[in-house]
Structure formats: structure tokens, C-alpha cells
N, C-alpha and C. Protein backbone atom coordinates (compact mmCIF):
# COMPACT_ATOMS: atom_id res chain seq x y z
N MET A 1 -14.38 7.96 -18.42
CA MET A 1 -13.79 8.82 -17.42
C MET A 1 -12.84 9.79 -18.12
N THR A 2 -12.90 11.04 -17.76
CA THR A 2 -12.02 12.02 -18.37
C THR A 2 -10.59 11.81 -17.87
N PRO A 3 -9.60 12.26 -18.63
CA PRO A 3 -8.22 12.12 -18.18
C PRO A 3 -7.97 12.78 -16.82
N ALA A 4 -8.58 13.92 -16.57
CA ALA A 4 -8.40 14.58 -15.27
C ALA A 4 -9.00 13.75 -14.14
N ALA A 5 -10.17 13.17 -14.37
CA ALA A 5 -10.80 12.34 -13.34
C ALA A 5 -9.99 11.08 -13.11
N GLU A 6 -9.46 10.50 -14.18
CA GLU A 6 -8.61 9.32 -14.06
C GLU A 6 -7.38 9.63 -13.23
N PHE A 7 -6.72 10.77 -13.51
CA PHE A 7 -5.55 11.17 -12.75
C PHE A 7 -5.90 11.35 -11.28
N HIS A 8 -7.02 12.03 -11.02
CA HIS A 8 -7.43 12.30 -9.65
C HIS A 8 -7.70 11.00 -8.91
N SER A 9 -8.37 10.05 -9.54
CA SER A 9 -8.71 8.80 -8.86
C SER A 9 -7.47 7.98 -8.57
N ARG A 10 -6.42 8.16 -9.33
CA ARG A 10 -5.20 7.39 -9.15
C ARG A 10 -4.22 8.02 -8.17
N ASN A 11 -4.34 9.33 -7.93
CA ASN A 11 -3.28 10.01 -7.21
C ASN A 11 -3.73 10.78 -5.98
N VAL A 12 -4.92 10.57 -5.49
CA VAL A 12 -5.36 11.24 -4.28
C VAL A 12 -4.49 10.76 -3.12
N ASP A 13 -3.99 11.67 -2.34
CA ASP A 13 -3.13 11.37 -1.19
C ASP A 13 -1.85 10.64 -1.59
N GLY A 14 -1.44 10.76 -2.83
CA GLY A 14 -0.19 10.15 -3.25
C GLY A 14 -0.26 8.65 -3.45
N GLY A 15 -1.43 8.04 -3.31
CA GLY A 15 -1.55 6.60 -3.49
C GLY A 15 -2.47 6.25 -4.64
N GLU A 16 -2.30 5.06 -5.15
CA GLU A 16 -3.15 4.61 -6.26
C GLU A 16 -4.42 3.99 -5.69
N TRP A 17 -5.56 4.42 -6.18
CA TRP A 17 -6.84 3.88 -5.77
C TRP A 17 -7.32 2.88 -6.82
N LEU A 18 -7.75 1.70 -6.38
CA LEU A 18 -8.18 0.63 -7.27
C LEU A 18 -9.67 0.37 -7.10
N THR A 19 -10.30 -0.05 -8.17
CA THR A 19 -11.70 -0.48 -8.09
C THR A 19 -11.73 -1.93 -7.63
N VAL A 20 -12.91 -2.41 -7.28
CA VAL A 20 -13.07 -3.81 -6.88
C VAL A 20 -12.67 -4.73 -8.04
N ASP A 21 -13.07 -4.40 -9.26
CA ASP A 21 -12.71 -5.23 -10.41
C ASP A 21 -11.20 -5.29 -10.62
N GLU A 22 -10.52 -4.16 -10.43
CA GLU A 22 -9.06 -4.15 -10.57
C GLU A 22 -8.41 -5.03 -9.51
N VAL A 23 -8.90 -4.95 -8.28
CA VAL A 23 -8.37 -5.78 -7.20
C VAL A 23 -8.57 -7.26 -7.52
N CYS A 24 -9.76 -7.61 -7.99
CA CYS A 24 -10.04 -9.00 -8.32
C CYS A 24 -9.12 -9.51 -9.42
N ARG A 25 -8.81 -8.68 -10.40
CA ARG A 25 -7.88 -9.09 -11.46
C ARG A 25 -6.48 -9.27 -10.91
N ILE A 26 -6.04 -8.38 -10.04
CA ILE A 26 -4.69 -8.47 -9.46
C ILE A 26 -4.54 -9.72 -8.62
N VAL A 27 -5.53 -9.97 -7.77
CA VAL A 27 -5.47 -11.09 -6.82
C VAL A 27 -5.90 -12.41 -7.47
N LYS A 28 -6.56 -12.30 -8.63
CA LYS A 28 -7.05 -13.46 -9.38
C LYS A 28 -8.12 -14.22 -8.60
N ILE A 29 -9.11 -13.44 -8.15
CA ILE A 29 -10.27 -14.02 -7.48
C ILE A 29 -11.52 -13.43 -8.13
N GLY A 30 -12.65 -14.07 -7.92
CA GLY A 30 -13.91 -13.55 -8.41
C GLY A 30 -14.43 -12.44 -7.51
N ARG A 31 -15.31 -11.64 -8.07
CA ARG A 31 -15.90 -10.54 -7.31
C ARG A 31 -16.67 -11.07 -6.10
N ARG A 32 -17.38 -12.17 -6.27
CA ARG A 32 -18.14 -12.75 -5.15
C ARG A 32 -17.21 -13.17 -4.01
N THR A 33 -16.06 -13.72 -4.35
CA THR A 33 -15.08 -14.10 -3.33
C THR A 33 -14.60 -12.87 -2.59
N PHE A 34 -14.32 -11.79 -3.33
CA PHE A 34 -13.89 -10.55 -2.70
C PHE A 34 -14.97 -10.03 -1.76
N GLU A 35 -16.21 -10.03 -2.22
CA GLU A 35 -17.32 -9.57 -1.38
C GLU A 35 -17.47 -10.43 -0.14
N ARG A 36 -17.21 -11.72 -0.26
CA ARG A 36 -17.26 -12.61 0.90
C ARG A 36 -16.17 -12.25 1.91
N TYR A 37 -14.96 -11.96 1.41
CA TYR A 37 -13.89 -11.51 2.31
C TYR A 37 -14.33 -10.27 3.08
N LEU A 38 -14.93 -9.31 2.37
CA LEU A 38 -15.36 -8.08 3.04
C LEU A 38 -16.45 -8.36 4.08
N SER A 39 -17.42 -9.19 3.72
CA SER A 39 -18.52 -9.45 4.65
C SER A 39 -18.04 -10.19 5.90
N ARG A 40 -16.98 -10.95 5.77
CA ARG A 40 -16.43 -11.68 6.93
C ARG A 40 -15.40 -10.86 7.71
N GLY A 41 -15.07 -9.69 7.17
CA GLY A 41 -14.09 -8.85 7.85
C GLY A 41 -12.66 -9.30 7.62
N THR A 42 -12.42 -10.11 6.59
CA THR A 42 -11.08 -10.61 6.33
C THR A 42 -10.46 -9.99 5.08
N GLY A 43 -11.15 -9.05 4.45
CA GLY A 43 -10.65 -8.41 3.24
C GLY A 43 -9.73 -7.24 3.57
N PRO A 44 -9.21 -6.61 2.53
CA PRO A 44 -8.37 -5.43 2.75
C PRO A 44 -9.21 -4.24 3.21
N ARG A 45 -8.54 -3.24 3.74
CA ARG A 45 -9.25 -2.01 4.08
C ARG A 45 -9.82 -1.41 2.82
N VAL A 46 -10.98 -0.80 2.93
CA VAL A 46 -11.64 -0.18 1.79
C VAL A 46 -12.16 1.19 2.19
N SER A 47 -12.47 1.98 1.18
CA SER A 47 -13.07 3.29 1.40
C SER A 47 -14.15 3.48 0.36
N ARG A 48 -15.16 4.23 0.70
CA ARG A 48 -16.23 4.53 -0.26
C ARG A 48 -16.07 5.95 -0.74
N VAL A 49 -16.22 6.14 -2.04
CA VAL A 49 -16.16 7.46 -2.65
C VAL A 49 -17.36 8.26 -2.15
N ALA A 50 -17.14 9.43 -1.64
CA ALA A 50 -18.19 10.33 -1.16
C ALA A 50 -19.07 9.67 -0.09
N GLY A 51 -18.51 8.80 0.70
CA GLY A 51 -19.24 8.21 1.80
C GLY A 51 -20.15 7.05 1.45
N ARG A 52 -20.91 7.17 0.37
CA ARG A 52 -21.86 6.11 -0.01
C ARG A 52 -21.66 5.65 -1.45
N GLY A 53 -20.58 6.08 -2.06
CA GLY A 53 -20.31 5.73 -3.45
C GLY A 53 -19.65 4.37 -3.58
N PRO A 54 -19.05 4.13 -4.74
CA PRO A 54 -18.42 2.84 -4.99
C PRO A 54 -17.19 2.62 -4.09
N ILE A 55 -16.90 1.37 -3.84
CA ILE A 55 -15.76 0.99 -3.01
C ILE A 55 -14.47 1.20 -3.79
N ARG A 56 -13.46 1.72 -3.11
CA ARG A 56 -12.12 1.86 -3.65
C ARG A 56 -11.13 1.32 -2.63
N ILE A 57 -10.03 0.78 -3.12
CA ILE A 57 -9.01 0.19 -2.27
C ILE A 57 -7.68 0.81 -2.65
N ARG A 58 -6.96 1.34 -1.67
CA ARG A 58 -5.63 1.88 -1.95
C ARG A 58 -4.68 0.73 -2.25
N ARG A 59 -3.80 0.96 -3.18
CA ARG A 59 -2.85 -0.09 -3.56
C ARG A 59 -2.02 -0.55 -2.36
N ASP A 60 -1.59 0.38 -1.51
CA ASP A 60 -0.79 -0.02 -0.35
C ASP A 60 -1.62 -0.85 0.64
N TRP A 61 -2.94 -0.59 0.75
CA TRP A 61 -3.78 -1.41 1.61
C TRP A 61 -3.88 -2.82 1.05
N LEU A 62 -4.01 -2.92 -0.28
CA LEU A 62 -4.07 -4.24 -0.92
C LEU A 62 -2.77 -4.98 -0.71
N ASP A 63 -1.64 -4.30 -0.88
CA ASP A 63 -0.34 -4.93 -0.69
C ASP A 63 -0.18 -5.44 0.74
N GLU A 64 -0.59 -4.64 1.73
CA GLU A 64 -0.52 -5.07 3.14
C GLU A 64 -1.36 -6.33 3.36
N TRP A 65 -2.54 -6.33 2.81
CA TRP A 65 -3.45 -7.46 2.96
C TRP A 65 -2.86 -8.72 2.33
N MET A 66 -2.30 -8.58 1.13
CA MET A 66 -1.71 -9.72 0.44
C MET A 66 -0.47 -10.24 1.15
N GLU A 67 0.33 -9.32 1.71
CA GLU A 67 1.53 -9.72 2.45
C GLU A 67 1.17 -10.48 3.71
N GLY A 68 -0.01 -10.18 4.25
CA GLY A 68 -0.48 -10.88 5.45
C GLY A 68 -0.96 -12.29 5.16
N GLY A 69 -0.94 -12.71 3.89
CA GLY A 69 -1.33 -14.06 3.53
C GLY A 69 -2.80 -14.27 3.36
N ALA A 70 -3.56 -13.19 3.31
CA ALA A 70 -5.02 -13.32 3.21
C ALA A 70 -5.48 -13.73 1.83
N ALA A 71 -4.72 -13.42 0.82
CA ALA A 71 -5.14 -13.76 -0.55
C ALA A 71 -4.62 -15.11 -0.83
């Protein structure tokens, strides 16, 4: 990823955007566990890049989810 693309992915709308792998490392869960949370509707809010692209999670959404005791 170019430095400009990295900056853009981290700072859109003033918030940090995380990949699924980054979220799994922060929360210390496996990717399959994270996917299970999403499929059950108990995971954090997510957004897809360009509508159908890879999943991204805003850091503040992850923090809200973790504060709610879901992790």
C-alpha cells in the first residue's frame, strides 16, 4: 500500500479504519470467531470499501462494541 493510500485508509472522516485482521489482533480472537460474531449479528458495526469490497471497522465502532462487553 502506498503511503498516501495508507494515510487515506486511516483518516477518512477523522477516524481510524481497521481491517478484520487488525481487529482480531486487538481483540485477541480468531478470524473465524469474528466472522461468527458478524453472522450472528453480535459483532461491531462494519462497512465495506466501495460497497462490495473488503470489510473495514472504525476504531470507535470497535471501542463501543468492546465497551458493551461483547468481546
